[in-house]
Amino acid sequence: MIINNNVINASYVNKVEKLCFLGSSCIYPRLADQPMKETSLLTGPLDKHNIWYATAKIAGLMMVDGYSKQYGCNFISAMPTNLYGTNDNYHIENSHVIPALLRKVVLAKKNNDPFVIVWGTGKPRRDFLNVDDLANACYLLMNEYDEADPINIGSGSDISITELTNLIMEELDYNGEVKFDKSKPDGTMLKLLDNSKIKSLGWVPKIKIREGVRKAIKEIESFNWDK
């Protein structure tokens, strides 16, 4: 929230011509209708596991809306889905789903481990978007979108954690077993963004999940996982 306040207000004070604030799909209620439309915002309780982060993102979105209406700023808000790709965080404990699974499977194969442990039940479904597709979407919005109302940036499809794990194992040619640690939280069971609004502007995601995973695997081949 401190970042929101500093960046958004500084953009107003310094007469920035246009600002794009990136929120997150976690701003939507835990039980929002699927796929989640922009109009679902603030229609129900947030997921209890990320309520703090979601609240900060909602505060930023509202600040953009307020500055746009009160001061006439050309500030917009875009809500990306779950992201992965170049320069991702591959930390074994605090990374997001795709980089965490990639690292776990890479290490399991390297060490000849008979299994990998995946958090939760494997049943939740997630919408994943490559960062290159996000970059293209942001470029389009900076040129074509001037509304203060938020706009979703999602892939338009989802995949279960089990399916994603199997896909990553296939691409890394790892034949071990998957064990799900059900003591870890699943989070929201369904989280798919409705991307019809941005598609109406001419944007479509180009990188399918398998292609994106293959690209990520090539990028991490030179990594020293012992560090």
Protein backbone atom coordinates (compact mmCIF):
# COMPACT_ATOMS: atom_id res chain seq x y z
CA MET A 1 0.00 0.00 0.00
CA ILE A 2 2.96 2.30 0.63
CA ILE A 3 4.17 1.56 -2.90
CA ASN A 4 0.67 2.32 -4.23
CA ASN A 5 0.53 5.65 -2.40
CA ASN A 6 4.01 6.76 -3.44
CA VAL A 7 3.88 5.75 -7.12
CA ILE A 8 0.30 6.81 -7.88
CA ASN A 9 0.50 10.13 -6.07
CA ALA A 10 3.96 10.89 -7.53
CA SER A 11 2.56 10.18 -11.00
CA TYR A 12 -0.18 12.74 -10.38
CA VAL A 13 2.16 15.36 -8.91
CA ASN A 14 4.65 14.98 -11.77
CA LYS A 15 1.93 14.99 -14.44
CA VAL A 16 2.65 11.51 -15.79
CA GLU A 17 0.69 11.19 -19.04
CA LYS A 18 -0.44 7.61 -18.39
CA LEU A 19 -0.04 5.04 -15.64
CA CYS A 20 -0.90 1.33 -15.71
CA PHE A 21 -1.42 -0.17 -12.25
CA LEU A 22 -1.12 -3.97 -12.19
CA GLY A 23 -3.38 -5.70 -9.71
CA SER A 24 -3.94 -9.44 -9.39
CA SER A 25 -6.65 -12.04 -9.93
CA CYS A 26 -6.71 -12.55 -6.14
CA ILE A 27 -8.73 -9.32 -5.80
CA TYR A 28 -11.88 -11.26 -6.66
CA PRO A 29 -14.08 -13.04 -4.09
CA ARG A 30 -13.23 -16.62 -3.20
CA LEU A 31 -16.56 -17.87 -4.52
CA ALA A 32 -16.91 -15.56 -7.52
CA ASP A 33 -18.67 -16.95 -10.58
CA GLN A 34 -16.28 -18.55 -13.07
CA PRO A 35 -14.76 -17.24 -15.22
CA MET A 36 -14.40 -14.13 -13.05
CA LYS A 37 -15.60 -10.90 -14.64
CA GLU A 38 -14.41 -7.44 -13.67
CA THR A 39 -17.87 -6.80 -12.22
CA SER A 40 -17.26 -9.49 -9.56
CA LEU A 41 -15.02 -7.12 -7.60
CA LEU A 42 -16.19 -6.59 -3.98
CA THR A 43 -19.22 -8.86 -4.34
CA GLY A 44 -18.08 -11.33 -1.65
CA PRO A 45 -15.37 -12.35 0.87
CA LEU A 46 -11.76 -12.75 -0.28
CA ASP A 47 -9.75 -15.96 0.04
CA LYS A 48 -8.45 -16.12 3.62
CA HIS A 49 -4.95 -17.18 2.53
CA ASN A 50 -4.13 -14.02 0.58
CA ILE A 51 -6.58 -11.45 1.98
CA TRP A 52 -3.76 -9.04 2.94
CA TYR A 53 -2.17 -8.94 -0.51
CA ALA A 54 -5.58 -8.74 -2.18
CA THR A 55 -6.61 -5.84 0.05
CA ALA A 56 -3.49 -3.89 -0.92
CA LYS A 57 -4.18 -4.49 -4.61
CA ILE A 58 -7.81 -3.40 -4.24
CA ALA A 59 -6.65 -0.26 -2.44
CA GLY A 60 -4.36 0.56 -5.38
CA LEU A 61 -7.14 -0.05 -7.87
CA MET A 62 -9.45 2.28 -5.95
CA MET A 63 -6.74 4.92 -5.73
CA VAL A 64 -6.32 4.82 -9.52
CA ASP A 65 -10.08 5.13 -9.92
CA GLY A 66 -10.23 8.07 -7.50
CA TYR A 67 -7.37 9.99 -9.10
CA SER A 68 -8.89 9.44 -12.53
CA LYS A 69 -12.28 10.78 -11.45
CA GLN A 70 -11.14 13.59 -9.18
CA TYR A 71 -8.11 14.87 -11.09
CA GLY A 72 -8.74 13.61 -14.64
CA CYS A 73 -5.60 11.46 -14.66
CA ASN A 74 -5.25 8.89 -17.41
CA PHE A 75 -4.57 6.07 -14.95
CA ILE A 76 -5.73 2.51 -15.70
CA SER A 77 -5.82 -0.78 -13.75
CA ALA A 78 -5.10 -4.19 -15.27
CA MET A 79 -5.64 -7.46 -13.39
CA PRO A 80 -3.23 -10.21 -14.56
CA THR A 81 -3.79 -13.85 -13.77
CA ASN A 82 -1.07 -16.20 -12.43
CA LEU A 83 2.17 -15.37 -14.25
CA TYR A 84 5.30 -17.34 -15.12
CA GLY A 85 8.26 -17.04 -17.47
CA THR A 86 11.54 -15.18 -17.95
CA ASN A 87 13.31 -14.00 -14.77
CA ASP A 88 10.90 -15.92 -12.53
CA ASN A 89 11.58 -16.65 -8.86
CA TYR A 90 12.64 -20.29 -8.47
CA HIS A 91 13.13 -20.30 -4.71
CA ILE A 92 12.17 -23.72 -3.38
CA GLU A 93 9.95 -22.34 -0.59
CA ASN A 94 8.51 -18.99 -1.70
CA SER A 95 8.15 -19.24 -5.47
CA HIS A 96 4.84 -19.55 -7.32
CA VAL A 97 3.37 -22.76 -8.74
CA ILE A 98 5.12 -23.25 -12.09
CA PRO A 99 8.68 -22.29 -11.04
CA ALA A 100 8.31 -24.28 -7.81
CA LEU A 101 7.22 -27.41 -9.70
CA LEU A 102 9.95 -26.96 -12.29
CA ARG A 103 12.63 -26.77 -9.62
CA LYS A 104 11.24 -29.72 -7.68
CA VAL A 105 11.11 -31.96 -10.76
CA VAL A 106 14.53 -30.84 -12.03
CA LEU A 107 16.10 -31.67 -8.66
CA ALA A 108 14.20 -34.97 -8.35
CA LYS A 109 15.48 -36.07 -11.74
CA LYS A 110 19.04 -34.91 -11.00
CA ASN A 111 19.09 -36.76 -7.67
CA ASN A 112 17.24 -39.85 -8.96
CA ASP A 113 14.52 -39.30 -6.35
CA PRO A 114 11.58 -41.71 -6.67
CA PHE A 115 8.95 -39.02 -6.08
CA VAL A 116 8.22 -35.30 -5.83
CA ILE A 117 6.05 -33.68 -3.16
CA VAL A 118 3.39 -31.19 -4.33
CA TRP A 119 1.46 -28.98 -1.94
CA GLY A 120 -2.29 -29.53 -1.52
CA THR A 121 -4.55 -32.06 -3.18
CA GLY A 122 -3.76 -31.27 -6.81
CA LYS A 123 -7.41 -30.50 -7.49
CA PRO A 124 -7.40 -26.67 -7.72
CA ARG A 125 -7.53 -25.24 -11.23
CA ARG A 126 -5.52 -22.19 -12.22
CA ASP A 127 -5.26 -19.79 -15.14
CA PHE A 128 -1.60 -19.28 -16.15
CA LEU A 129 -0.23 -16.58 -18.44
CA ASN A 130 3.28 -16.20 -19.81
CA VAL A 131 4.93 -12.87 -18.99
CA ASP A 132 5.54 -12.17 -22.70
CA ASP A 133 1.79 -12.30 -23.30
CA LEU A 134 1.29 -9.95 -20.34
CA ALA A 135 3.84 -7.52 -21.79
CA ASN A 136 1.98 -7.47 -25.10
CA ALA A 137 -1.31 -6.89 -23.28
CA CYS A 138 0.12 -3.98 -21.27
CA TYR A 139 1.53 -2.39 -24.42
CA LEU A 140 -1.87 -2.60 -26.08
CA LEU A 141 -3.64 -1.15 -23.04
CA MET A 142 -1.23 1.77 -22.83
CA ASN A 143 -2.11 2.61 -26.41
CA GLU A 144 -5.78 1.64 -26.65
CA TYR A 145 -7.42 1.65 -23.19
CA ASP A 146 -8.24 4.83 -21.26
CA GLU A 147 -10.93 3.75 -18.77
CA ALA A 148 -10.46 3.84 -15.00
CA ASP A 149 -12.48 0.61 -14.66
CA PRO A 150 -10.27 -2.49 -14.21
CA ILE A 151 -9.60 -4.88 -17.08
CA ASN A 152 -8.61 -8.55 -16.77
CA ILE A 153 -5.58 -10.09 -18.47
CA GLY A 154 -5.98 -13.88 -18.52
CA SER A 155 -5.25 -16.81 -20.79
CA GLY A 156 -8.90 -17.81 -21.15
CA SER A 157 -8.29 -21.41 -20.01
CA ASP A 158 -7.30 -23.23 -16.84
CA ILE A 159 -5.49 -26.40 -15.79
CA SER A 160 -5.50 -28.44 -12.59
CA ILE A 161 -2.36 -28.63 -10.44
CA THR A 162 -2.27 -32.39 -11.09
CA GLU A 163 -2.42 -31.85 -14.86
CA LEU A 164 0.24 -29.16 -14.65
CA THR A 165 2.54 -31.40 -12.60
CA ASN A 166 2.17 -34.23 -15.11
CA LEU A 167 2.86 -31.85 -17.99
CA ILE A 168 6.07 -30.61 -16.35
CA MET A 169 7.18 -34.17 -15.59
CA GLU A 170 6.59 -35.14 -19.22
CA GLU A 171 8.58 -32.18 -20.55
CA LEU A 172 11.47 -32.95 -18.18
CA ASP A 173 11.27 -36.70 -18.90
CA TYR A 174 10.92 -37.54 -15.22
CA ASN A 175 9.15 -40.82 -14.46
CA GLY A 176 8.89 -40.65 -10.68
CA GLU A 177 5.78 -40.57 -8.52
CA VAL A 178 3.79 -37.55 -7.35
CA LYS A 179 2.89 -37.33 -3.67
CA PHE A 180 0.46 -34.61 -2.58
CA ASP A 181 1.00 -33.01 0.82
CA LYS A 182 -2.60 -32.50 1.88
CA SER A 183 -1.53 -30.71 5.04
CA LYS A 184 -0.74 -27.71 2.83
CA PRO A 185 -3.56 -25.40 1.69
CA ASP A 186 -5.16 -25.61 -1.75
CA GLY A 187 -6.30 -22.02 -1.78
CA THR A 188 -9.22 -21.12 -4.02
CA MET A 189 -10.36 -24.22 -5.91
CA LEU A 190 -11.30 -22.38 -9.13
CA LYS A 191 -9.70 -19.18 -10.38
CA LEU A 192 -10.20 -18.39 -14.05
CA LEU A 193 -10.38 -14.84 -15.40
CA ASP A 194 -12.92 -13.71 -17.98
CA ASN A 195 -10.73 -12.09 -20.64
CA SER A 196 -13.50 -11.09 -23.06
CA LYS A 197 -13.05 -7.37 -22.35
CA ILE A 198 -9.41 -7.22 -23.40
CA LYS A 199 -10.00 -9.61 -26.30
CA SER A 200 -12.54 -7.14 -27.64
CA LEU A 201 -9.61 -4.71 -28.02
CA GLY A 202 -7.80 -7.19 -30.25
CA TRP A 203 -5.49 -8.94 -27.77
CA VAL A 204 -5.19 -12.71 -27.59
CA PRO A 205 -2.58 -14.75 -25.68
CA LYS A 206 -0.15 -16.49 -28.02
CA ILE A 207 1.85 -18.79 -25.74
CA LYS A 208 0.12 -22.03 -24.73
CA ILE A 209 0.99 -23.55 -21.37
CA ARG A 210 3.09 -26.42 -22.76
CA GLU A 211 5.03 -24.08 -25.04
CA GLY A 212 5.62 -21.70 -22.12
CA VAL A 213 6.86 -24.52 -19.89
CA ARG A 214 9.26 -25.68 -22.62
CA LYS A 215 10.60 -22.14 -22.93
CA ALA A 216 11.08 -21.93 -19.15
CA ILE A 217 12.92 -25.27 -19.13
CA LYS A 218 15.39 -23.96 -21.74
CA GLU A 219 15.97 -20.86 -19.63
CA ILE A 220 16.80 -22.82 -16.47
CA GLU A 221 19.16 -25.37 -18.08
CA SER A 222 22.18 -23.32 -17.05
CA PHE A 223 20.99 -22.68 -13.48
CA ASN A 224 23.14 -23.84 -10.56
CA TRP A 225 20.48 -25.39 -8.33
CA ASP A 226 22.99 -26.04 -5.55
CA LYS A 227 22.99 -22.35 -4.64
